[in-house]
C-alpha cells in the first residue's frame, strides 16, 4: 500500500487510477448484526428483520442487510487505497457519491477494495477522494459504490 504525505497533492494525484486495488478481508454479515442495526436505527423494515416473511415474500429470497449497515462496516473491511501520513487530523468530509447496487443477503460474506480518485487543496487542508467498492464475495456486481471524501488537516501548533 502506498504511503504519502497529506499535503503532497501531486503525489496523491499520481496514485489516482481507474483500477481498484486488492480486496480486503472478508466479513460475514449475520442476521444478529442486521437485527442489532435495526434496533439501533429504528429501521425495522420486514425485508431486513422478519426472516420468515422475507423468505416467502422478498424478491431476494430472504432478509438483506440495510445499505447503511453495509457502508458502516467499511472500517472493518480495511479497504484503504493509500496510507496518508503527517496530518494532524482526518475528518469525514462527506460523500461525492453513494450507490446501493445489489443486496447483501443475511449470512453472506462481503469484502471491499478501493482506488484513489484524486486530491485537492482546501483552506483547511487536503481533500482526498477515494472510491470504495463493497461486494458480496463471488458476486459479479458490487453491492455498494462509495465516493468517500476525507479532509486531512495539518498538525496544530
Protein backbone atom coordinates (compact mmCIF):
# COMPACT_ATOMS: atom_id res chain seq x y z
CA UNK A 1 0.00 0.00 0.00
CA UNK A 2 1.28 3.44 -0.93
CA UNK A 3 2.19 5.93 1.81
CA UNK A 4 2.01 9.63 1.04
CA UNK A 5 2.10 12.91 2.98
CA UNK A 6 -1.26 14.59 3.43
CA UNK A 7 -0.04 17.79 1.73
CA UNK A 8 1.60 16.10 -1.27
CA UNK A 9 -1.20 16.87 -3.74
CA UNK A 10 0.87 15.82 -6.77
CA UNK A 11 1.92 12.59 -5.05
CA UNK A 12 -1.67 11.67 -4.17
CA UNK A 13 -2.92 12.55 -7.64
CA UNK A 14 -0.16 10.41 -9.15
CA UNK A 15 -1.77 7.44 -7.38
CA UNK A 16 -5.17 8.08 -8.97
CA UNK A 17 -6.34 5.17 -11.05
CA UNK A 18 -9.35 3.73 -12.83
CA UNK A 19 -8.35 0.34 -11.39
CA UNK A 20 -9.32 -0.80 -7.92
CA UNK A 21 -6.74 -2.26 -5.54
CA UNK A 22 -6.82 -5.70 -3.98
CA UNK A 23 -9.78 -7.00 -2.00
CA UNK A 24 -9.53 -6.57 1.77
CA UNK A 25 -10.53 -9.18 4.37
CA UNK A 26 -13.94 -10.84 4.30
CA UNK A 27 -16.60 -10.06 6.90
CA UNK A 28 -19.74 -12.14 7.47
CA UNK A 29 -22.96 -10.13 7.66
CA UNK A 30 -25.07 -12.06 10.17
CA UNK A 31 -28.74 -11.77 10.97
CA UNK A 32 -27.72 -10.76 14.51
CA UNK A 33 -25.81 -7.80 13.05
CA UNK A 34 -28.80 -6.83 10.91
CA UNK A 35 -31.16 -7.08 13.89
CA UNK A 36 -28.84 -5.02 16.10
CA UNK A 37 -28.56 -2.35 13.41
CA UNK A 38 -32.36 -2.27 13.08
CA UNK A 39 -32.73 -1.76 16.83
CA UNK A 40 -30.08 0.95 16.92
CA UNK A 41 -31.52 2.93 14.00
CA UNK A 42 -35.22 2.14 14.30
CA UNK A 43 -35.27 0.81 10.73
CA UNK A 44 -37.13 -2.44 11.35
CA UNK A 45 -38.47 -2.93 7.82
CA UNK A 46 -39.55 -6.56 7.39
CA UNK A 47 -37.18 -7.15 4.46
CA UNK A 48 -34.34 -6.88 6.98
CA UNK A 49 -35.67 -8.36 10.22
CA UNK A 50 -38.59 -10.72 9.52
CA UNK A 51 -36.72 -13.81 8.35
CA UNK A 52 -39.78 -15.96 7.56
CA UNK A 53 -41.64 -13.22 5.72
CA UNK A 54 -38.50 -12.26 3.78
CA UNK A 55 -38.04 -15.90 2.70
CA UNK A 56 -41.63 -16.01 1.44
CA UNK A 57 -42.20 -12.51 0.04
CA UNK A 58 -38.88 -10.82 -0.64
CA UNK A 59 -37.59 -10.76 -4.22
CA UNK A 60 -34.19 -11.63 -2.70
CA UNK A 61 -35.27 -14.96 -1.15
CA UNK A 62 -34.51 -13.92 2.41
CA UNK A 63 -33.53 -11.00 4.62
CA UNK A 64 -30.95 -8.50 3.42
CA UNK A 65 -28.67 -6.07 5.22
CA UNK A 66 -29.50 -2.38 5.36
CA UNK A 67 -27.47 -0.41 2.84
CA UNK A 68 -26.13 1.88 5.54
CA UNK A 69 -25.18 -1.13 7.69
CA UNK A 70 -23.09 -2.33 4.77
CA UNK A 71 -21.48 1.11 4.46
CA UNK A 72 -20.85 1.29 8.22
CA UNK A 73 -18.72 -1.88 8.01
CA UNK A 74 -16.16 -0.07 5.87
CA UNK A 75 -13.60 0.42 8.69
CA UNK A 76 -13.77 -3.32 9.45
CA UNK A 77 -13.28 -4.14 5.77
CA UNK A 78 -9.92 -2.29 5.69
CA UNK A 79 -10.06 -1.25 2.04
CA UNK A 80 -7.81 1.81 2.07
CA UNK A 81 -6.16 2.65 -1.24
CA UNK A 82 -3.35 4.58 0.43
CA UNK A 83 -1.88 5.49 3.80
CA UNK A 84 -1.86 9.23 4.45
CA UNK A 85 0.79 10.44 6.91
CA UNK A 86 1.84 13.69 8.55
CA UNK A 87 -1.62 15.12 9.13
CA UNK A 88 -2.93 16.47 12.41
CA UNK A 89 -6.44 15.12 11.82
CA UNK A 90 -8.55 13.29 9.29
CA UNK A 91 -12.24 14.21 9.13
CA UNK A 92 -15.05 12.63 7.14
CA UNK A 93 -15.90 15.38 4.65
CA UNK A 94 -18.83 13.58 3.07
CA UNK A 95 -19.69 11.55 0.03
CA UNK A 96 -19.04 12.54 -3.55
CA UNK A 97 -21.38 9.71 -4.47
CA UNK A 98 -23.13 6.73 -2.92
CA UNK A 99 -24.94 3.98 -4.78
CA UNK A 100 -26.57 0.80 -3.45
CA UNK A 101 -26.43 -1.55 -6.44
CA UNK A 102 -27.12 -5.07 -5.18
CA UNK A 103 -28.42 -6.67 -1.96
CA UNK A 104 -26.28 -8.14 0.79
CA UNK A 105 -28.14 -11.27 1.93
CA UNK A 106 -28.04 -12.21 5.59
CA UNK A 107 -25.25 -14.74 6.16
CA UNK A 108 -23.20 -13.61 3.17
CA UNK A 109 -19.58 -12.58 3.26
CA UNK A 110 -18.54 -9.20 1.92
CA UNK A 111 -15.22 -7.61 1.09
CA UNK A 112 -14.07 -4.23 -0.19
CA UNK A 113 -11.47 -2.62 -2.38
CA UNK A 114 -10.72 0.97 -3.28
CA UNK A 115 -8.94 3.32 -5.62
CA UNK A 116 -7.64 6.86 -5.37
CA UNK A 117 -9.69 9.36 -7.36
CA UNK A 118 -7.72 12.49 -6.52
CA UNK A 119 -6.77 15.24 -4.10
CA UNK A 120 -7.28 18.98 -3.95
CA UNK A 121 -6.19 21.77 -1.68
CA UNK A 122 -8.86 23.24 0.60
CA UNK A 123 -8.49 26.20 3.00
CA UNK A 124 -8.25 23.82 5.98
CA UNK A 125 -6.15 21.05 4.44
CA UNK A 126 -6.17 18.46 1.69
CA UNK A 127 -9.35 16.83 0.44
CA UNK A 128 -8.73 13.27 -0.74
CA UNK A 129 -11.39 11.40 -2.69
CA UNK A 130 -11.32 7.63 -2.99
CA UNK A 131 -13.88 5.29 -4.47
CA UNK A 132 -14.76 2.18 -2.49
CA UNK A 133 -16.49 -0.90 -3.82
CA UNK A 134 -18.13 -3.34 -1.38
CA UNK A 135 -19.32 -6.64 -2.82
CA UNK A 136 -20.64 -10.00 -1.73
CA UNK A 137 -17.78 -12.45 -2.15
CA UNK A 138 -18.17 -14.18 -5.51
CA UNK A 139 -20.76 -11.73 -6.87
CA UNK A 140 -20.18 -10.07 -10.24
CA UNK A 141 -21.99 -6.85 -9.33
CA UNK A 142 -20.88 -4.69 -6.39
CA UNK A 143 -23.37 -4.10 -3.59
CA UNK A 144 -22.19 -0.56 -2.93
CA UNK A 145 -20.06 2.13 -4.56
CA UNK A 146 -18.99 5.00 -2.33
CA UNK A 147 -17.09 8.14 -3.35
CA UNK A 148 -15.54 8.82 0.06
CA UNK A 149 -14.01 12.20 0.88
CA UNK A 150 -11.62 12.78 3.78
CA UNK A 151 -10.19 16.18 4.75
CA UNK A 152 -6.66 15.89 6.10
CA UNK A 153 -5.63 18.91 8.16
CA UNK A 154 -2.09 19.93 9.14
CA UNK A 155 -0.89 19.40 12.71
CA UNK A 156 -1.83 22.21 15.09
CA UNK A 157 0.81 24.32 16.68
